[in-house]
N, C-alpha and C. Protein backbone atom coordinates (compact mmCIF):
# COMPACT_ATOMS: atom_id res chain seq x y z
N MET A 1 108.85 104.70 104.94
CA MET A 1 107.58 105.33 105.15
C MET A 1 106.69 105.15 103.93
N PHE A 2 105.45 105.11 104.17
CA PHE A 2 104.49 104.98 103.09
C PHE A 2 104.25 106.32 102.43
N ALA A 3 103.84 106.29 101.19
CA ALA A 3 103.54 107.51 100.45
C ALA A 3 102.43 108.32 101.10
N PRO A 4 101.41 107.69 101.72
CA PRO A 4 100.35 108.50 102.33
C PRO A 4 100.87 109.47 103.38
N PHE A 5 101.97 109.12 104.06
CA PHE A 5 102.51 110.05 105.05
C PHE A 5 102.97 111.33 104.38
N SER A 6 103.64 111.21 103.24
CA SER A 6 104.13 112.40 102.56
C SER A 6 102.98 113.27 102.06
N ILE A 7 101.86 112.63 101.77
CA ILE A 7 100.69 113.39 101.31
C ILE A 7 100.05 114.13 102.49
N LEU A 8 100.00 113.48 103.65
CA LEU A 8 99.34 114.07 104.80
C LEU A 8 100.28 114.86 105.70
N ALA A 9 101.59 114.86 105.41
CA ALA A 9 102.56 115.53 106.27
C ALA A 9 102.26 117.01 106.49
N PRO A 10 101.82 117.75 105.48
CA PRO A 10 101.52 119.15 105.74
C PRO A 10 100.40 119.36 106.77
N LEU A 11 99.55 118.37 106.96
CA LEU A 11 98.47 118.48 107.93
C LEU A 11 98.95 118.20 109.35
N ALA A 12 100.19 117.72 109.48
CA ALA A 12 100.67 117.22 110.76
C ALA A 12 101.11 118.34 111.71
N GLY A 13 100.57 119.51 111.58
CA GLY A 13 100.94 120.62 112.45
C GLY A 13 100.36 120.53 113.84
N THR A 14 99.24 119.89 113.99
CA THR A 14 98.61 119.78 115.30
C THR A 14 98.73 118.36 115.83
N LYS A 15 98.55 118.23 117.13
CA LYS A 15 98.65 116.92 117.76
C LYS A 15 97.59 115.97 117.20
N THR A 16 96.39 116.44 117.02
CA THR A 16 95.31 115.61 116.49
C THR A 16 95.62 115.16 115.07
N ALA A 17 96.15 116.05 114.26
CA ALA A 17 96.49 115.69 112.88
C ALA A 17 97.63 114.67 112.86
N ARG A 18 98.61 114.81 113.74
CA ARG A 18 99.71 113.84 113.80
C ARG A 18 99.18 112.46 114.19
N GLN A 19 98.25 112.43 115.13
CA GLN A 19 97.66 111.16 115.52
C GLN A 19 96.90 110.53 114.37
N LEU A 20 96.19 111.34 113.61
CA LEU A 20 95.46 110.86 112.45
C LEU A 20 96.41 110.27 111.42
N VAL A 21 97.51 110.97 111.17
CA VAL A 21 98.50 110.50 110.20
C VAL A 21 99.10 109.17 110.67
N ARG A 22 99.43 109.07 111.96
CA ARG A 22 100.00 107.84 112.50
C ARG A 22 99.02 106.67 112.37
N ARG A 23 97.77 106.92 112.69
CA ARG A 23 96.76 105.86 112.58
C ARG A 23 96.53 105.45 111.13
N PHE A 24 96.53 106.42 110.25
CA PHE A 24 96.35 106.12 108.83
C PHE A 24 97.51 105.27 108.33
N ASN A 25 98.74 105.63 108.69
CA ASN A 25 99.91 104.86 108.27
C ASN A 25 99.89 103.46 108.86
N ALA A 26 99.48 103.33 110.11
CA ALA A 26 99.39 102.02 110.74
C ALA A 26 98.37 101.16 110.00
N GLY A 27 97.27 101.75 109.60
CA GLY A 27 96.26 101.02 108.84
C GLY A 27 96.79 100.57 107.49
N CYS A 28 97.53 101.45 106.82
CA CYS A 28 98.13 101.10 105.53
C CYS A 28 99.14 99.97 105.69
N GLU A 29 99.96 100.03 106.73
CA GLU A 29 100.94 98.98 106.98
C GLU A 29 100.25 97.66 107.29
N GLY A 30 99.19 97.72 108.06
CA GLY A 30 98.45 96.50 108.37
C GLY A 30 97.83 95.88 107.14
N LEU A 31 97.27 96.71 106.28
CA LEU A 31 96.67 96.21 105.05
C LEU A 31 97.73 95.64 104.12
N ALA A 32 98.87 96.30 104.01
CA ALA A 32 99.96 95.79 103.17
C ALA A 32 100.46 94.46 103.71
N GLY A 33 100.59 94.34 105.03
CA GLY A 33 101.02 93.08 105.64
C GLY A 33 100.04 91.96 105.35
N PHE A 34 98.76 92.28 105.39
CA PHE A 34 97.72 91.29 105.09
C PHE A 34 97.91 90.73 103.68
N PHE A 35 98.12 91.62 102.71
CA PHE A 35 98.27 91.17 101.33
C PHE A 35 99.56 90.38 101.14
N VAL A 36 100.62 90.76 101.83
CA VAL A 36 101.88 90.02 101.74
C VAL A 36 101.70 88.61 102.31
N ARG A 37 101.01 88.50 103.46
CA ARG A 37 100.78 87.18 104.05
C ARG A 37 99.89 86.32 103.16
N CYS A 38 98.86 86.91 102.57
CA CYS A 38 97.99 86.15 101.65
C CYS A 38 98.78 85.63 100.46
N SER A 39 99.64 86.46 99.92
CA SER A 39 100.47 86.05 98.78
C SER A 39 101.43 84.94 99.18
N ALA A 40 102.05 85.07 100.35
CA ALA A 40 102.97 84.03 100.82
C ALA A 40 102.25 82.71 101.02
N MET A 41 101.07 82.75 101.61
CA MET A 41 100.30 81.51 101.80
C MET A 41 99.92 80.88 100.47
N ALA A 42 99.55 81.69 99.51
CA ALA A 42 99.18 81.16 98.19
C ALA A 42 100.40 80.53 97.52
N ASN A 43 101.54 81.20 97.60
CA ASN A 43 102.76 80.65 96.98
C ASN A 43 103.20 79.36 97.64
N LEU A 44 103.17 79.31 98.96
CA LEU A 44 103.55 78.09 99.66
C LEU A 44 102.57 76.96 99.40
N SER A 45 101.30 77.28 99.24
CA SER A 45 100.29 76.25 98.98
C SER A 45 100.49 75.60 97.61
N GLU A 46 101.14 76.31 96.69
CA GLU A 46 101.38 75.76 95.36
C GLU A 46 102.51 74.73 95.36
N LEU A 47 103.37 74.75 96.40
CA LEU A 47 104.48 73.80 96.46
C LEU A 47 103.98 72.42 96.81
N ASP A 48 104.70 71.39 96.36
CA ASP A 48 104.34 70.03 96.74
C ASP A 48 104.88 69.73 98.14
N ASP A 49 104.41 68.63 98.71
CA ASP A 49 104.77 68.30 100.10
C ASP A 49 106.27 68.13 100.28
N ARG A 50 106.94 67.55 99.31
CA ARG A 50 108.38 67.35 99.42
C ARG A 50 109.13 68.68 99.47
N ALA A 51 108.74 69.62 98.63
CA ALA A 51 109.38 70.94 98.64
C ALA A 51 109.13 71.66 99.96
N LEU A 52 107.93 71.52 100.49
CA LEU A 52 107.63 72.13 101.78
C LEU A 52 108.49 71.54 102.88
N LEU A 53 108.66 70.22 102.88
CA LEU A 53 109.49 69.57 103.89
C LEU A 53 110.95 69.98 103.74
N ASP A 54 111.39 70.26 102.51
CA ASP A 54 112.76 70.73 102.29
C ASP A 54 113.01 72.07 102.97
N ILE A 55 111.99 72.91 103.04
CA ILE A 55 112.18 74.20 103.72
C ILE A 55 111.75 74.15 105.18
N GLY A 56 111.33 72.95 105.62
CA GLY A 56 111.10 72.76 107.05
C GLY A 56 109.69 72.99 107.56
N ILE A 57 108.70 72.97 106.68
CA ILE A 57 107.32 73.11 107.15
C ILE A 57 106.46 72.02 106.53
N GLU A 58 105.37 71.73 107.18
CA GLU A 58 104.39 70.79 106.64
C GLU A 58 103.23 71.58 106.06
N ARG A 59 102.46 70.92 105.23
CA ARG A 59 101.33 71.61 104.60
C ARG A 59 100.38 72.20 105.65
N SER A 60 100.18 71.49 106.74
CA SER A 60 99.27 71.99 107.78
C SER A 60 99.86 73.16 108.55
N GLY A 61 101.15 73.42 108.37
CA GLY A 61 101.80 74.51 109.10
C GLY A 61 102.10 75.73 108.26
N ILE A 62 101.51 75.81 107.07
CA ILE A 62 101.79 76.94 106.19
C ILE A 62 101.38 78.26 106.84
N GLU A 63 100.18 78.31 107.35
CA GLU A 63 99.70 79.57 107.95
C GLU A 63 100.55 79.97 109.14
N ALA A 64 100.90 79.00 109.99
CA ALA A 64 101.74 79.30 111.15
C ALA A 64 103.12 79.79 110.71
N ALA A 65 103.65 79.20 109.64
CA ALA A 65 104.96 79.63 109.14
C ALA A 65 104.91 81.06 108.60
N VAL A 66 103.84 81.39 107.91
CA VAL A 66 103.70 82.74 107.36
C VAL A 66 103.61 83.78 108.48
N TYR A 67 102.95 83.42 109.56
CA TYR A 67 102.82 84.34 110.69
C TYR A 67 104.05 84.31 111.61
N GLY A 68 105.05 83.49 111.26
CA GLY A 68 106.28 83.44 112.03
C GLY A 68 106.19 82.63 113.31
N LEU A 69 105.26 81.70 113.38
CA LEU A 69 105.06 80.92 114.60
C LEU A 69 105.77 79.57 114.57
N VAL A 70 106.47 79.28 113.48
CA VAL A 70 107.15 78.00 113.34
C VAL A 70 108.64 78.22 113.49
N THR A 71 109.26 77.42 114.34
CA THR A 71 110.71 77.44 114.44
C THR A 71 111.24 76.10 113.97
N THR A 72 112.32 76.13 113.26
CA THR A 72 112.91 74.89 112.77
C THR A 72 114.10 74.52 113.64
N ARG A 73 114.48 73.29 113.55
CA ARG A 73 115.54 72.76 114.40
C ARG A 73 116.85 73.51 114.18
N ASP A 74 117.18 73.83 112.94
CA ASP A 74 118.45 74.47 112.64
C ASP A 74 118.27 75.95 112.26
N GLN A 75 117.27 76.57 112.82
CA GLN A 75 117.03 77.98 112.55
C GLN A 75 118.18 78.81 113.10
N GLY A 76 118.69 79.68 112.31
CA GLY A 76 119.79 80.53 112.75
C GLY A 76 121.15 79.99 112.36
N ARG A 77 121.25 78.74 111.97
CA ARG A 77 122.52 78.17 111.52
C ARG A 77 122.69 78.42 110.03
N ARG A 78 123.92 78.69 109.66
CA ARG A 78 124.20 78.85 108.24
C ARG A 78 125.37 77.95 107.88
N SER A 79 125.20 77.22 106.84
CA SER A 79 126.27 76.34 106.38
C SER A 79 126.63 76.75 104.97
N TRP A 80 127.70 77.52 104.83
CA TRP A 80 128.10 78.03 103.52
C TRP A 80 129.13 77.11 102.86
N SER A 81 129.57 76.10 103.53
CA SER A 81 130.60 75.24 102.92
C SER A 81 130.01 74.08 102.17
């Protein structure tokens, strides 16, 4: 849970206040997700093309990969040996 919920929790006695708290938390989570995605895109953009291909994405697919829209051929397989 986000810290804002703990701040607004005492107000959550009524249905309207609970809805307000839920919407506020959803907004905070959305904003945090936005900043995480921006950071991920910036970090991936700094990699060279070879490094990107090593992790299975192309430069043109960075945004799609950050949003989880890219699937790789061996996604879900783990080779620990």
